[in-house]
Structures are given as structure tokens and as C-alpha cells.
């Protein structure tokens, strides 16, 4: 977790530190990412940075928590237990993620890389309990739609929860490949109208199924 010195910084300075850090960890795996690069880009003394975070893993853990919180805010906003159209709400949620990139351009790319990070130091951070909590939250949300008759009651909630998590990553990767978006840019920089149509089609595929 960040030191008190970091929390006392201005919001603009904290945002600058987070964005530089997100970019470093988004473009490199955990082992290759360098605190020296972050410190150089921020143009601060090495000692000053360690007044904000104790070490590399401390910074990474905070970035992970912060990124998850930003996505969770959007999730709760669009899946608000109103029991509306499940697939439309899912589409709106994915579309809303581009709004996060307006403030934190590389946050989503960081989450994408973090989800598949193999470093033992990182996998110990992304513990089983955290994944179970996420599955539980999504399962409870889906249950609301089941009660409203929007989602089949025969669906295994735990499996659908995991499917939603990884399908969201798959949609992001599909957008990146289709529009040939560079790895050093935000995931959703293209015209919203264009990729909204793609997201609608991807979600609709789940809704209708793939059987002929």
C-alpha cells in the first residue's frame, strides 16, 4: 500500500505517478518492468519515490487494487440490481470502460497483462480468495437477472461469472486485433460507433449461442 507521503500529494501528481506506472507495467511483464524507468519519467529522485511506495511489489499491488476498483465502479453502475436487459447492461458496461482510459490511458492494458502474469511474486498477490470474491459478486448480480427471467436458471452461475470475466478480455483483444491498435496505446482509441457495433455482435453471439 502507498505511504502517507503519496496520499498527501495533489490529485494531479498522484494521477501522473499512476499513469507512468501503469504504462511501465502494461508494456513489460513484471520481471522486466523497471522502477528506474518510472522514476526517470517522473523526473524525481530515487529516494523520493521510495517515500511513496516501499518497493516494486508494493507499487504493483496498489496499481492492481486501484485498477480493479475503477472497473468495479463501472460494473456496479451498469449492473445495479435493477434487473433490466442483462445483455444490454453487459454491452453498456464494456462500452463504459473507454471512459476510464480518458483519465488513465493504460489502466486497462495493465489489467489485461496482469491477468496473465506468470511471475510467482505477482501470482501470490492475485490470490485465490480475491478471485473467489470477484466470482461471488458477479454471481450475485446474475442471480438478480435470473429472478427477473432475463437469464436461464439452468446456467451455472460460477461458470458464467468466469466466462464474463474472460469474455470481456477476449472482446478487448478482438478490438485490438481488428483495428490493429498498437500495444503502447489505450485499448479503445477507435471511433466509439465502430467498436460499439463489434461489442454488440460479440455479446449477441453469447445471447443467441453458436449452434447452427
Protein backbone atom coordinates (compact mmCIF):
# COMPACT_ATOMS: atom_id res chain seq x y z
CA UNK A 1 0.00 0.00 0.00
CA UNK A 2 1.19 3.57 -0.61
CA UNK A 3 2.90 5.55 2.10
CA UNK A 4 1.20 8.55 3.68
CA UNK A 5 3.51 10.79 1.63
CA UNK A 6 1.84 9.56 -1.56
CA UNK A 7 -1.66 10.10 -0.20
CA UNK A 8 -0.76 13.67 0.66
CA UNK A 9 0.17 14.51 -2.92
CA UNK A 10 -2.14 16.55 -5.13
CA UNK A 11 -4.60 14.58 -7.23
CA UNK A 12 -2.83 15.65 -10.42
CA UNK A 13 0.54 14.43 -9.15
CA UNK A 14 -0.91 11.11 -7.98
CA UNK A 15 -2.56 10.64 -11.36
CA UNK A 16 0.75 11.35 -13.11
CA UNK A 17 2.57 8.75 -10.98
CA UNK A 18 -0.14 6.17 -11.56
CA UNK A 19 -0.23 6.73 -15.31
CA UNK A 20 3.54 6.42 -15.69
CA UNK A 21 3.45 3.26 -13.56
CA UNK A 22 0.51 1.74 -15.45
CA UNK A 23 2.35 2.29 -18.71
CA UNK A 24 5.56 0.64 -17.47
CA UNK A 25 3.79 -2.47 -16.20
CA UNK A 26 1.42 -2.60 -19.18
CA UNK A 27 4.23 -2.70 -21.74
CA UNK A 28 6.51 -5.11 -19.84
CA UNK A 29 5.99 -8.22 -17.76
CA UNK A 30 6.51 -7.88 -14.03
CA UNK A 31 10.10 -9.07 -14.03
CA UNK A 32 11.12 -6.76 -16.89
CA UNK A 33 9.28 -3.66 -15.65
CA UNK A 34 11.70 -1.20 -14.10
CA UNK A 35 11.22 1.20 -11.21
CA UNK A 36 14.23 3.07 -12.60
CA UNK A 37 12.26 3.78 -15.80
CA UNK A 38 9.30 5.04 -13.78
CA UNK A 39 11.48 7.27 -11.62
CA UNK A 40 13.26 8.68 -14.69
CA UNK A 41 10.00 9.51 -16.48
CA UNK A 42 8.66 11.20 -13.37
CA UNK A 43 11.90 13.17 -13.05
CA UNK A 44 12.19 12.63 -9.32
CA UNK A 45 14.95 11.42 -7.02
CA UNK A 46 15.05 7.70 -6.29
CA UNK A 47 14.73 8.39 -2.58
CA UNK A 48 11.61 10.46 -3.16
CA UNK A 49 9.87 7.59 -4.92
CA UNK A 50 10.54 5.23 -2.04
CA UNK A 51 8.75 7.68 0.19
CA UNK A 52 5.63 6.84 -1.86
CA UNK A 53 5.99 3.06 -2.21
CA UNK A 54 8.25 0.65 -0.35
CA UNK A 55 9.23 -1.43 -3.36
CA UNK A 56 8.17 -2.78 -6.75
CA UNK A 57 5.67 -5.29 -5.43
CA UNK A 58 4.10 -2.66 -3.17
CA UNK A 59 3.54 -0.40 -6.18
CA UNK A 60 2.22 -3.26 -8.32
CA UNK A 61 -0.21 -4.37 -5.62
CA UNK A 62 -1.58 -0.85 -5.32
CA UNK A 63 -1.92 -0.49 -9.10
CA UNK A 64 -3.82 -3.78 -9.19
CA UNK A 65 -6.18 -2.70 -6.43
CA UNK A 66 -6.71 0.73 -7.94
CA UNK A 67 -7.41 -0.66 -11.43
CA UNK A 68 -9.85 -3.24 -10.08
CA UNK A 69 -11.66 -0.52 -8.12
CA UNK A 70 -12.08 1.66 -11.23
CA UNK A 71 -13.61 -1.23 -13.17
CA UNK A 72 -15.76 -2.22 -10.18
CA UNK A 73 -17.26 1.28 -10.07
CA UNK A 74 -18.38 0.93 -13.68
CA UNK A 75 -19.60 -2.60 -13.03
CA UNK A 76 -21.84 -1.55 -10.15
CA UNK A 77 -23.11 1.42 -12.15
CA UNK A 78 -24.32 -0.72 -15.06
CA UNK A 79 -25.29 -3.87 -13.16
CA UNK A 80 -27.23 -2.04 -10.46
CA UNK A 81 -29.61 -4.86 -9.48
CA UNK A 82 -32.44 -3.20 -11.40
CA UNK A 83 -32.90 -6.44 -13.36
CA UNK A 84 -33.02 -4.79 -16.76
CA UNK A 85 -31.85 -6.35 -20.01
CA UNK A 86 -28.83 -8.42 -19.00
CA UNK A 87 -27.14 -8.36 -22.41
CA UNK A 88 -27.74 -4.65 -22.95
CA UNK A 89 -26.34 -3.91 -19.50
CA UNK A 90 -23.31 -6.08 -20.29
CA UNK A 91 -22.79 -4.18 -23.55
CA UNK A 92 -23.10 -0.82 -21.78
CA UNK A 93 -20.58 -1.92 -19.15
CA UNK A 94 -17.93 -2.82 -21.71
CA UNK A 95 -18.58 0.40 -23.62
CA UNK A 96 -18.13 2.37 -20.41
CA UNK A 97 -14.58 1.10 -19.92
CA UNK A 98 -13.28 3.51 -22.54
CA UNK A 99 -14.23 6.30 -20.13
CA UNK A 100 -11.63 5.02 -17.67
CA UNK A 101 -8.97 5.41 -20.35
CA UNK A 102 -9.76 9.10 -20.66
CA UNK A 103 -8.16 9.58 -17.22
CA UNK A 104 -5.89 6.54 -17.03
CA UNK A 105 -4.95 5.66 -20.63
CA UNK A 106 -3.04 2.43 -19.90
CA UNK A 107 -5.05 1.12 -16.95
CA UNK A 108 -6.97 -1.45 -18.97
CA UNK A 109 -3.84 -2.65 -20.73
CA UNK A 110 -2.25 -3.08 -17.32
CA UNK A 111 -5.20 -5.21 -16.16
CA UNK A 112 -5.02 -7.27 -19.33
CA UNK A 113 -1.33 -8.06 -18.84
CA UNK A 114 -1.76 -8.55 -15.10
CA UNK A 115 -4.46 -11.16 -15.69
CA UNK A 116 -1.95 -13.38 -17.46
CA UNK A 117 1.17 -12.51 -15.47
CA UNK A 118 3.25 -15.56 -14.59
CA UNK A 119 5.66 -14.12 -12.03
CA UNK A 120 5.44 -16.01 -8.74
CA UNK A 121 5.65 -12.74 -6.85
CA UNK A 122 2.58 -11.47 -8.71
CA UNK A 123 0.54 -14.67 -8.60
CA UNK A 124 0.91 -14.61 -4.82
CA UNK A 125 -0.71 -11.15 -4.88
CA UNK A 126 -3.56 -12.30 -7.11
CA UNK A 127 -4.63 -14.89 -4.60
CA UNK A 128 -7.43 -17.44 -4.80
CA UNK A 129 -9.55 -15.57 -2.26
CA UNK A 130 -9.55 -12.45 -4.44
CA UNK A 131 -10.72 -14.43 -7.49
CA UNK A 132 -13.43 -16.12 -5.46
CA UNK A 133 -14.69 -12.78 -4.18
CA UNK A 134 -14.96 -11.48 -7.75
CA UNK A 135 -16.84 -14.58 -8.85
CA UNK A 136 -19.21 -14.25 -5.89
CA UNK A 137 -20.02 -10.62 -6.70
CA UNK A 138 -20.75 -11.40 -10.36
CA UNK A 139 -22.80 -14.48 -9.44
CA UNK A 140 -24.98 -12.44 -7.10
CA UNK A 141 -25.52 -9.91 -9.86
CA UNK A 142 -26.52 -12.57 -12.40
CA UNK A 143 -28.94 -14.08 -9.88
CA UNK A 144 -30.91 -10.82 -9.96
CA UNK A 145 -31.39 -11.21 -13.71
CA UNK A 146 -32.39 -14.85 -13.25
CA UNK A 147 -35.09 -13.83 -10.82
CA UNK A 148 -36.38 -11.35 -13.41
CA UNK A 149 -36.46 -14.07 -16.08
CA UNK A 150 -33.66 -12.45 -18.12
CA UNK A 151 -31.12 -15.27 -17.68
CA UNK A 152 -31.76 -19.02 -17.72
CA UNK A 153 -31.99 -20.56 -14.26
CA UNK A 154 -30.23 -23.66 -15.60
CA UNK A 155 -26.97 -21.73 -16.02
CA UNK A 156 -24.13 -22.48 -13.60
CA UNK A 157 -23.56 -19.08 -12.03
CA UNK A 158 -19.91 -19.64 -11.15
CA UNK A 159 -19.09 -20.70 -14.69
CA UNK A 160 -20.99 -17.81 -16.27
CA UNK A 161 -19.20 -15.42 -13.92
CA UNK A 162 -15.81 -16.67 -15.07
CA UNK A 163 -16.99 -16.64 -18.67
CA UNK A 164 -17.94 -12.97 -18.37
CA UNK A 165 -14.51 -12.05 -16.95
CA UNK A 166 -12.55 -13.77 -19.71
CA UNK A 167 -15.01 -12.87 -22.46
CA UNK A 168 -14.51 -9.21 -21.62
CA UNK A 169 -10.76 -9.70 -22.10
CA UNK A 170 -11.45 -11.55 -25.36
CA UNK A 171 -13.58 -8.70 -26.70
CA UNK A 172 -10.80 -6.22 -25.90
CA UNK A 173 -8.26 -8.41 -27.71
CA UNK A 174 -10.63 -8.75 -30.68
CA UNK A 175 -10.98 -4.95 -30.94
CA UNK A 176 -7.20 -4.58 -30.77
CA UNK A 177 -6.57 -7.14 -33.49
CA UNK A 178 -9.33 -5.93 -35.79
CA UNK A 179 -8.29 -2.28 -35.66
CA UNK A 180 -4.54 -3.03 -35.40
CA UNK A 181 -4.23 -0.91 -32.28
CA UNK A 182 -0.61 -0.51 -31.10
CA UNK A 183 0.28 -2.09 -27.75
CA UNK A 184 1.51 1.25 -26.43
CA UNK A 185 -1.85 2.96 -26.82
CA UNK A 186 -5.20 2.64 -25.00
CA UNK A 187 -7.31 -0.41 -25.81
CA UNK A 188 -10.30 1.61 -27.07
CA UNK A 189 -8.93 4.57 -29.04
CA UNK A 190 -11.04 3.96 -32.14
CA UNK A 191 -14.30 5.64 -33.04
CA UNK A 192 -16.92 4.57 -30.48
CA UNK A 193 -19.56 3.93 -33.11
CA UNK A 194 -17.29 1.42 -34.84
CA UNK A 195 -16.34 -0.70 -31.87
CA UNK A 196 -19.79 -0.47 -30.30
CA UNK A 197 -21.12 -2.42 -33.25
CA UNK A 198 -18.42 -5.03 -32.68
CA UNK A 199 -19.21 -5.31 -28.96
CA UNK A 200 -22.93 -5.68 -29.69
CA UNK A 201 -22.17 -8.52 -32.11
CA UNK A 202 -19.87 -10.27 -29.64
CA UNK A 203 -22.40 -10.10 -26.80
CA UNK A 204 -25.19 -11.15 -29.15
CA UNK A 205 -23.19 -14.27 -30.01
CA UNK A 206 -23.37 -15.32 -26.36
CA UNK A 207 -27.06 -14.44 -26.22
CA UNK A 208 -28.01 -16.47 -29.29
CA UNK A 209 -25.43 -19.24 -28.97
CA UNK A 210 -23.22 -20.56 -31.77
CA UNK A 211 -25.11 -23.66 -32.77
CA UNK A 212 -26.41 -23.52 -36.35
